[in-house]
């Protein structure tokens, strides 16, 4: 996996928690941060999907979706 260096500033309580977790789990702080961001991005994806659904945008049935993709769906 490619990596990039990032210089960030975090509140002291968050840094203290991160250091405690990294020590307890014997993981690098960068791994703790990357894992936390992955989970947060999954959460944000869900929130965006919920917002789009609430916006009453156009939707299609799952059956029509699979037909459009020319997939045979077994129930």
N, C-alpha and C. Protein backbone atom coordinates (compact mmCIF):
# COMPACT_ATOMS: atom_id res chain seq x y z
N UNK A 1 0.84 -1.17 0.00
CA UNK A 1 0.00 0.00 0.00
C UNK A 1 0.89 1.24 0.00
N UNK A 2 0.55 2.21 -0.84
CA UNK A 2 1.27 3.46 -0.85
C UNK A 2 0.88 4.26 0.38
N UNK A 3 1.82 5.02 0.88
CA UNK A 3 1.55 5.88 2.05
C UNK A 3 2.01 7.28 1.75
N UNK A 4 1.43 8.21 2.49
CA UNK A 4 1.82 9.62 2.40
C UNK A 4 2.02 10.15 3.81
N UNK A 5 2.99 11.02 3.94
CA UNK A 5 3.25 11.63 5.24
C UNK A 5 2.29 12.80 5.42
N UNK A 6 1.77 12.94 6.64
CA UNK A 6 0.80 13.98 6.93
C UNK A 6 1.13 14.57 8.28
N UNK A 7 1.17 15.87 8.35
CA UNK A 7 1.44 16.56 9.61
C UNK A 7 0.12 17.16 10.10
N UNK A 8 -0.39 16.67 11.24
CA UNK A 8 -1.67 17.14 11.75
C UNK A 8 -1.54 17.57 13.20
N UNK A 9 -2.50 18.35 13.64
CA UNK A 9 -2.60 18.77 15.03
C UNK A 9 -3.89 18.23 15.59
N UNK A 10 -3.80 17.55 16.74
CA UNK A 10 -4.97 16.96 17.38
C UNK A 10 -5.07 17.45 18.82
N UNK A 11 -6.28 17.48 19.35
CA UNK A 11 -6.42 17.84 20.76
C UNK A 11 -5.66 16.85 21.66
N UNK A 12 -5.07 17.33 22.72
CA UNK A 12 -4.27 16.51 23.63
C UNK A 12 -5.01 15.27 24.14
N UNK A 13 -6.29 15.37 24.54
CA UNK A 13 -6.96 14.15 25.01
C UNK A 13 -7.05 13.05 23.95
N UNK A 14 -7.21 13.44 22.69
CA UNK A 14 -7.25 12.44 21.61
C UNK A 14 -5.88 11.80 21.43
N UNK A 15 -4.83 12.61 21.49
CA UNK A 15 -3.47 12.09 21.36
C UNK A 15 -3.17 11.13 22.52
N UNK A 16 -3.58 11.51 23.73
CA UNK A 16 -3.35 10.64 24.88
C UNK A 16 -4.07 9.30 24.72
N UNK A 17 -5.32 9.34 24.26
CA UNK A 17 -6.07 8.10 24.02
C UNK A 17 -5.38 7.25 22.96
N UNK A 18 -4.97 7.90 21.87
CA UNK A 18 -4.33 7.18 20.77
C UNK A 18 -3.05 6.52 21.25
N UNK A 19 -2.25 7.22 22.02
CA UNK A 19 -1.00 6.65 22.52
C UNK A 19 -1.27 5.47 23.45
N UNK A 20 -2.31 5.59 24.28
CA UNK A 20 -2.67 4.51 25.19
C UNK A 20 -3.11 3.27 24.40
N UNK A 21 -3.96 3.47 23.38
CA UNK A 21 -4.43 2.35 22.57
C UNK A 21 -3.28 1.72 21.79
N UNK A 22 -2.42 2.53 21.24
CA UNK A 22 -1.29 2.01 20.46
C UNK A 22 -0.39 1.15 21.35
N UNK A 23 -0.14 1.62 22.56
CA UNK A 23 0.70 0.86 23.48
C UNK A 23 0.02 -0.44 23.88
N UNK A 24 -1.26 -0.37 24.23
CA UNK A 24 -2.01 -1.56 24.66
C UNK A 24 -2.09 -2.60 23.55
N UNK A 25 -2.34 -2.13 22.33
CA UNK A 25 -2.50 -3.05 21.20
C UNK A 25 -1.19 -3.37 20.49
N UNK A 26 -0.11 -2.72 20.93
CA UNK A 26 1.20 -2.88 20.30
C UNK A 26 1.12 -2.60 18.80
N UNK A 27 0.51 -1.47 18.48
CA UNK A 27 0.38 -1.03 17.08
C UNK A 27 0.93 0.38 16.95
N UNK A 28 1.32 0.72 15.74
CA UNK A 28 1.79 2.07 15.49
C UNK A 28 0.62 3.05 15.55
N UNK A 29 0.93 4.27 15.95
CA UNK A 29 -0.12 5.30 16.02
C UNK A 29 -0.72 5.55 14.64
N UNK A 30 0.10 5.46 13.60
CA UNK A 30 -0.42 5.66 12.25
C UNK A 30 -1.46 4.59 11.91
N UNK A 31 -1.26 3.37 12.40
CA UNK A 31 -2.24 2.30 12.16
C UNK A 31 -3.55 2.60 12.90
N UNK A 32 -3.44 3.08 14.13
CA UNK A 32 -4.62 3.43 14.91
C UNK A 32 -5.41 4.53 14.19
N UNK A 33 -4.71 5.54 13.72
CA UNK A 33 -5.37 6.65 13.02
C UNK A 33 -6.01 6.16 11.72
N UNK A 34 -5.29 5.37 10.93
CA UNK A 34 -5.83 4.87 9.66
C UNK A 34 -7.07 4.01 9.90
N UNK A 35 -7.03 3.15 10.91
CA UNK A 35 -8.19 2.31 11.23
C UNK A 35 -9.38 3.15 11.66
N UNK A 36 -9.12 4.16 12.48
CA UNK A 36 -10.20 5.04 12.95
C UNK A 36 -10.81 5.79 11.78
N UNK A 37 -10.00 6.28 10.88
CA UNK A 37 -10.51 6.99 9.71
C UNK A 37 -11.30 6.07 8.79
N UNK A 38 -10.83 4.84 8.60
CA UNK A 38 -11.58 3.88 7.78
C UNK A 38 -12.97 3.67 8.35
N UNK A 39 -13.05 3.47 9.67
CA UNK A 39 -14.36 3.27 10.30
C UNK A 39 -15.23 4.53 10.17
N UNK A 40 -14.62 5.69 10.34
CA UNK A 40 -15.36 6.94 10.23
C UNK A 40 -15.87 7.14 8.80
N UNK A 41 -15.05 6.83 7.81
CA UNK A 41 -15.48 6.98 6.42
C UNK A 41 -16.64 6.03 6.10
N UNK A 42 -16.62 4.83 6.66
CA UNK A 42 -17.76 3.92 6.50
C UNK A 42 -19.03 4.54 7.09
N UNK A 43 -18.89 5.16 8.24
CA UNK A 43 -20.02 5.83 8.90
C UNK A 43 -20.53 6.99 8.03
N UNK A 44 -19.62 7.79 7.50
CA UNK A 44 -20.00 8.92 6.65
C UNK A 44 -20.68 8.43 5.38
N UNK A 45 -20.18 7.33 4.79
CA UNK A 45 -20.83 6.76 3.60
C UNK A 45 -22.28 6.41 3.90
N UNK A 46 -22.52 5.82 5.07
CA UNK A 46 -23.89 5.47 5.47
C UNK A 46 -24.74 6.73 5.61
N UNK A 47 -24.21 7.75 6.25
CA UNK A 47 -24.95 9.00 6.43
C UNK A 47 -25.28 9.66 5.09
N UNK A 48 -24.35 9.63 4.16
CA UNK A 48 -24.59 10.20 2.83
C UNK A 48 -25.67 9.40 2.11
N UNK A 49 -25.62 8.07 2.21
CA UNK A 49 -26.64 7.23 1.58
C UNK A 49 -28.01 7.51 2.18
N UNK A 50 -28.08 7.66 3.50
CA UNK A 50 -29.36 7.97 4.15
C UNK A 50 -29.88 9.33 3.71
N UNK A 51 -28.99 10.31 3.59
CA UNK A 51 -29.41 11.64 3.14
C UNK A 51 -29.95 11.59 1.72
N UNK A 52 -29.26 10.87 0.86
CA UNK A 52 -29.71 10.75 -0.53
C UNK A 52 -31.08 10.08 -0.60
N UNK A 53 -31.29 9.09 0.24
CA UNK A 53 -32.58 8.41 0.28
C UNK A 53 -33.68 9.35 0.76
N UNK A 54 -33.37 10.17 1.76
CA UNK A 54 -34.33 11.14 2.29
C UNK A 54 -34.65 12.24 1.27
N UNK A 55 -33.70 12.53 0.41
CA UNK A 55 -33.90 13.58 -0.59
C UNK A 55 -34.89 13.15 -1.67
N UNK A 56 -35.37 11.92 -1.56
CA UNK A 56 -36.37 11.38 -2.49
C UNK A 56 -35.91 11.45 -3.94
N UNK A 57 -34.66 11.11 -4.14
CA UNK A 57 -34.15 11.06 -5.51
C UNK A 57 -34.76 9.88 -6.24
N UNK A 58 -34.52 9.80 -7.53
CA UNK A 58 -35.09 8.69 -8.29
C UNK A 58 -34.52 7.36 -7.81
N UNK A 59 -35.40 6.38 -7.68
CA UNK A 59 -34.96 5.04 -7.29
C UNK A 59 -35.54 4.02 -8.27
N UNK A 60 -34.92 2.87 -8.31
CA UNK A 60 -35.44 1.78 -9.13
C UNK A 60 -35.49 0.53 -8.24
N UNK A 61 -36.33 -0.41 -8.61
CA UNK A 61 -36.42 -1.64 -7.84
C UNK A 61 -35.16 -2.47 -8.06
N UNK A 62 -34.90 -3.37 -7.14
CA UNK A 62 -33.74 -4.23 -7.27
C UNK A 62 -33.89 -5.11 -8.51
N UNK A 63 -35.10 -5.55 -8.78
CA UNK A 63 -35.35 -6.39 -9.96
C UNK A 63 -34.98 -5.64 -11.24
N UNK A 64 -35.41 -4.38 -11.35
CA UNK A 64 -35.07 -3.57 -12.53
C UNK A 64 -33.57 -3.31 -12.60
N UNK A 65 -32.95 -3.11 -11.43
CA UNK A 65 -31.51 -2.87 -11.37
C UNK A 65 -30.75 -4.06 -11.97
N UNK A 66 -31.13 -5.27 -11.53
CA UNK A 66 -30.44 -6.46 -12.04
C UNK A 66 -30.77 -6.71 -13.51
N UNK A 67 -31.98 -6.40 -13.92
CA UNK A 67 -32.32 -6.53 -15.35
C UNK A 67 -31.46 -5.61 -16.18
N UNK A 68 -31.29 -4.39 -15.69
CA UNK A 68 -30.47 -3.41 -16.42
C UNK A 68 -29.04 -3.89 -16.55
N UNK A 69 -28.55 -4.61 -15.56
CA UNK A 69 -27.20 -5.15 -15.61
C UNK A 69 -27.14 -6.50 -16.30
N UNK A 70 -28.30 -6.96 -16.74
CA UNK A 70 -28.41 -8.24 -17.41
C UNK A 70 -27.90 -9.39 -16.55
N UNK A 71 -28.28 -9.35 -15.25
CA UNK A 71 -27.91 -10.39 -14.31
C UNK A 71 -29.13 -11.24 -13.99
N UNK A 72 -28.92 -12.53 -13.88
CA UNK A 72 -30.00 -13.43 -13.50
C UNK A 72 -29.96 -13.59 -11.98
N UNK A 73 -31.04 -13.19 -11.32
CA UNK A 73 -31.10 -13.25 -9.86
C UNK A 73 -32.00 -14.39 -9.44
N UNK A 74 -31.46 -15.26 -8.62
CA UNK A 74 -32.24 -16.38 -8.08
C UNK A 74 -32.77 -15.98 -6.71
N UNK A 75 -34.06 -16.12 -6.47
CA UNK A 75 -34.63 -15.79 -5.14
C UNK A 75 -34.53 -16.98 -4.24
